[in-house]
Amino acid sequence: MTMCGIDFAESERALIQDSADGAGMSFSEFVRSAALEKAEDMADTEAYNEALDGDGGTRYPMEEVVRMAAEAE
């Protein structure tokens, strides 16, 4: 495992520590988890945008999606 240093203002560190305590996690576990979740969210958003770019612009209203799903059953 690689260690890295991150600078936080004292108020930021206290806020993060309080949240970590509430989640039953160490400060490091909480920060690592939050960073990984953010990275995964960004990757998901990028994949979503790429899918939108490659779908030819076809869009359906929710009512139509529900109707098509009911017909497919």
N, C-alpha and C. Protein backbone atom coordinates (compact mmCIF):
# COMPACT_ATOMS: atom_id res chain seq x y z
N MET A 1 0.85 -1.17 0.00
CA MET A 1 0.00 0.00 0.00
C MET A 1 0.89 1.23 0.00
N THR A 2 0.50 2.23 -0.75
CA THR A 2 1.26 3.47 -0.83
C THR A 2 0.65 4.50 0.10
N MET A 3 1.49 5.22 0.80
CA MET A 3 1.02 6.29 1.67
C MET A 3 1.15 7.61 0.94
N CYS A 4 0.22 8.52 1.24
CA CYS A 4 0.31 9.87 0.68
C CYS A 4 -0.14 10.86 1.75
N GLY A 5 0.26 12.07 1.58
CA GLY A 5 -0.12 13.11 2.52
C GLY A 5 -1.08 14.08 1.87
N ILE A 6 -2.09 14.46 2.62
CA ILE A 6 -3.08 15.43 2.14
C ILE A 6 -3.20 16.51 3.20
N ASP A 7 -3.15 17.75 2.77
CA ASP A 7 -3.28 18.86 3.71
C ASP A 7 -4.75 19.26 3.85
N PHE A 8 -5.22 19.34 5.09
CA PHE A 8 -6.57 19.80 5.40
C PHE A 8 -6.47 20.96 6.38
N ALA A 9 -7.36 21.91 6.22
CA ALA A 9 -7.51 22.93 7.27
C ALA A 9 -8.02 22.21 8.51
N GLU A 10 -7.75 22.74 9.68
CA GLU A 10 -8.17 22.07 10.91
C GLU A 10 -9.68 21.87 10.93
N SER A 11 -10.44 22.85 10.46
CA SER A 11 -11.90 22.71 10.45
C SER A 11 -12.34 21.60 9.50
N GLU A 12 -11.65 21.44 8.39
CA GLU A 12 -11.96 20.36 7.45
C GLU A 12 -11.65 19.01 8.07
N ARG A 13 -10.50 18.92 8.70
CA ARG A 13 -10.12 17.67 9.35
C ARG A 13 -11.11 17.30 10.44
N ALA A 14 -11.55 18.26 11.22
CA ALA A 14 -12.51 17.99 12.29
C ALA A 14 -13.84 17.50 11.71
N LEU A 15 -14.29 18.11 10.65
CA LEU A 15 -15.53 17.69 10.00
C LEU A 15 -15.42 16.26 9.49
N ILE A 16 -14.31 15.96 8.82
CA ILE A 16 -14.09 14.61 8.29
C ILE A 16 -13.97 13.61 9.44
N GLN A 17 -13.26 13.97 10.48
CA GLN A 17 -13.09 13.06 11.63
C GLN A 17 -14.43 12.76 12.29
N ASP A 18 -15.27 13.78 12.44
CA ASP A 18 -16.59 13.57 13.02
C ASP A 18 -17.42 12.61 12.16
N SER A 19 -17.34 12.79 10.85
CA SER A 19 -18.07 11.90 9.94
C SER A 19 -17.52 10.49 10.00
N ALA A 20 -16.20 10.36 10.04
CA ALA A 20 -15.57 9.04 10.14
C ALA A 20 -15.98 8.36 11.44
N ASP A 21 -15.97 9.10 12.53
CA ASP A 21 -16.38 8.54 13.82
C ASP A 21 -17.82 8.04 13.75
N GLY A 22 -18.69 8.84 13.15
CA GLY A 22 -20.09 8.47 13.03
C GLY A 22 -20.29 7.22 12.18
N ALA A 23 -19.39 7.00 11.22
CA ALA A 23 -19.47 5.82 10.35
C ALA A 23 -18.72 4.63 10.93
N GLY A 24 -18.08 4.83 12.10
CA GLY A 24 -17.31 3.75 12.71
C GLY A 24 -16.05 3.42 11.93
N MET A 25 -15.46 4.43 11.30
CA MET A 25 -14.27 4.24 10.47
C MET A 25 -13.15 5.12 10.99
N SER A 26 -11.92 4.73 10.65
CA SER A 26 -10.79 5.61 10.95
C SER A 26 -10.81 6.76 9.95
N PHE A 27 -10.06 7.79 10.25
CA PHE A 27 -9.94 8.94 9.35
C PHE A 27 -9.45 8.47 7.98
N SER A 28 -8.41 7.65 7.97
CA SER A 28 -7.83 7.17 6.71
C SER A 28 -8.82 6.33 5.92
N GLU A 29 -9.52 5.41 6.60
CA GLU A 29 -10.51 4.58 5.92
C GLU A 29 -11.60 5.44 5.28
N PHE A 30 -12.05 6.45 6.02
CA PHE A 30 -13.12 7.31 5.54
C PHE A 30 -12.68 8.10 4.30
N VAL A 31 -11.49 8.69 4.37
CA VAL A 31 -10.98 9.49 3.24
C VAL A 31 -10.74 8.59 2.03
N ARG A 32 -10.14 7.41 2.24
CA ARG A 32 -9.89 6.47 1.15
C ARG A 32 -11.21 6.05 0.49
N SER A 33 -12.20 5.71 1.31
CA SER A 33 -13.50 5.29 0.81
C SER A 33 -14.17 6.41 0.01
N ALA A 34 -14.13 7.63 0.53
CA ALA A 34 -14.74 8.76 -0.15
C ALA A 34 -14.04 9.06 -1.48
N ALA A 35 -12.72 8.97 -1.49
CA ALA A 35 -11.96 9.22 -2.73
C ALA A 35 -12.27 8.17 -3.78
N LEU A 36 -12.32 6.90 -3.37
CA LEU A 36 -12.63 5.82 -4.32
C LEU A 36 -14.05 5.96 -4.85
N GLU A 37 -14.99 6.30 -3.98
CA GLU A 37 -16.38 6.48 -4.42
C GLU A 37 -16.47 7.61 -5.44
N LYS A 38 -15.77 8.70 -5.20
CA LYS A 38 -15.77 9.83 -6.13
C LYS A 38 -15.17 9.41 -7.47
N ALA A 39 -14.06 8.68 -7.44
CA ALA A 39 -13.42 8.22 -8.68
C ALA A 39 -14.35 7.30 -9.46
N GLU A 40 -15.05 6.39 -8.76
CA GLU A 40 -15.99 5.49 -9.42
C GLU A 40 -17.17 6.26 -10.01
N ASP A 41 -17.67 7.25 -9.28
CA ASP A 41 -18.77 8.07 -9.80
C ASP A 41 -18.35 8.80 -11.07
N MET A 42 -17.12 9.33 -11.07
CA MET A 42 -16.63 10.04 -12.26
C MET A 42 -16.48 9.09 -13.44
N ALA A 43 -16.00 7.87 -13.19
CA ALA A 43 -15.87 6.88 -14.26
C ALA A 43 -17.25 6.49 -14.79
N ASP A 44 -18.23 6.34 -13.91
CA ASP A 44 -19.59 6.02 -14.33
C ASP A 44 -20.18 7.14 -15.18
N THR A 45 -19.95 8.37 -14.77
CA THR A 45 -20.46 9.52 -15.53
C THR A 45 -19.82 9.57 -16.91
N GLU A 46 -18.52 9.31 -16.97
CA GLU A 46 -17.83 9.30 -18.26
C GLU A 46 -18.38 8.19 -19.17
N ALA A 47 -18.60 7.01 -18.63
CA ALA A 47 -19.17 5.90 -19.41
C ALA A 47 -20.57 6.24 -19.88
N TYR A 48 -21.36 6.87 -19.03
CA TYR A 48 -22.72 7.28 -19.39
C TYR A 48 -22.69 8.28 -20.54
N ASN A 49 -21.83 9.28 -20.43
CA ASN A 49 -21.74 10.29 -21.48
C ASN A 49 -21.26 9.68 -22.80
N GLU A 50 -20.34 8.73 -22.74
CA GLU A 50 -19.88 8.06 -23.95
C GLU A 50 -21.02 7.25 -24.57
N ALA A 51 -21.83 6.60 -23.74
CA ALA A 51 -22.98 5.84 -24.24
C ALA A 51 -23.98 6.78 -24.91
N LEU A 52 -24.22 7.93 -24.31
CA LEU A 52 -25.14 8.90 -24.91
C LEU A 52 -24.63 9.38 -26.26
N ASP A 53 -23.33 9.61 -26.35
CA ASP A 53 -22.74 10.08 -27.61
C ASP A 53 -22.87 9.04 -28.71
N GLY A 54 -22.92 7.76 -28.34
CA GLY A 54 -22.93 6.72 -29.35
C GLY A 54 -24.28 6.10 -29.63
N ASP A 55 -25.37 6.66 -29.09
CA ASP A 55 -26.67 6.02 -29.27
C ASP A 55 -27.53 6.63 -30.37
N GLY A 56 -27.01 7.55 -31.11
CA GLY A 56 -27.77 8.15 -32.22
C GLY A 56 -28.83 9.14 -31.79
N GLY A 57 -28.89 9.47 -30.51
CA GLY A 57 -29.82 10.49 -30.04
C GLY A 57 -31.22 10.00 -29.78
N THR A 58 -31.46 8.70 -29.84
CA THR A 58 -32.79 8.18 -29.60
C THR A 58 -33.14 8.30 -28.13
N ARG A 59 -34.30 8.90 -27.85
CA ARG A 59 -34.77 9.06 -26.48
C ARG A 59 -36.25 8.67 -26.43
N TYR A 60 -36.67 8.11 -25.30
CA TYR A 60 -38.06 7.72 -25.11
C TYR A 60 -38.57 8.34 -23.81
N PRO A 61 -39.81 8.83 -23.81
CA PRO A 61 -40.39 9.29 -22.54
C PRO A 61 -40.63 8.10 -21.62
N MET A 62 -40.65 8.31 -20.33
CA MET A 62 -40.80 7.23 -19.36
C MET A 62 -42.06 6.42 -19.62
N GLU A 63 -43.14 7.07 -19.99
CA GLU A 63 -44.38 6.34 -20.25
C GLU A 63 -44.19 5.32 -21.36
N GLU A 64 -43.43 5.68 -22.37
CA GLU A 64 -43.15 4.78 -23.49
C GLU A 64 -42.27 3.62 -23.05
N VAL A 65 -41.30 3.89 -22.20
CA VAL A 65 -40.43 2.83 -21.69
C VAL A 65 -41.25 1.82 -20.90
N VAL A 66 -42.12 2.32 -20.03
CA VAL A 66 -42.96 1.43 -19.23
C VAL A 66 -43.87 0.60 -20.14
N ARG A 67 -44.46 1.21 -21.15
CA ARG A 67 -45.32 0.50 -22.09
C ARG A 67 -44.54 -0.58 -22.82
N MET A 68 -43.34 -0.24 -23.32
CA MET A 68 -42.53 -1.23 -24.05
C MET A 68 -42.12 -2.38 -23.14
N ALA A 69 -41.81 -2.08 -21.87
CA ALA A 69 -41.43 -3.13 -20.93
C ALA A 69 -42.61 -4.06 -20.65
N ALA A 70 -43.80 -3.48 -20.50
CA ALA A 70 -45.00 -4.29 -20.24
C ALA A 70 -45.29 -5.19 -21.44
N GLU A 71 -45.12 -4.68 -22.64
CA GLU A 71 -45.37 -5.47 -23.85
C GLU A 71 -44.35 -6.60 -24.00
N ALA A 72 -43.15 -6.39 -23.52
CA ALA A 72 -42.10 -7.39 -23.67
C ALA A 72 -42.29 -8.57 -22.71
N GLU A 73 -43.08 -8.39 -21.68
CA GLU A 73 -43.28 -9.47 -20.71
C GLU A 73 -44.16 -10.51 -21.23
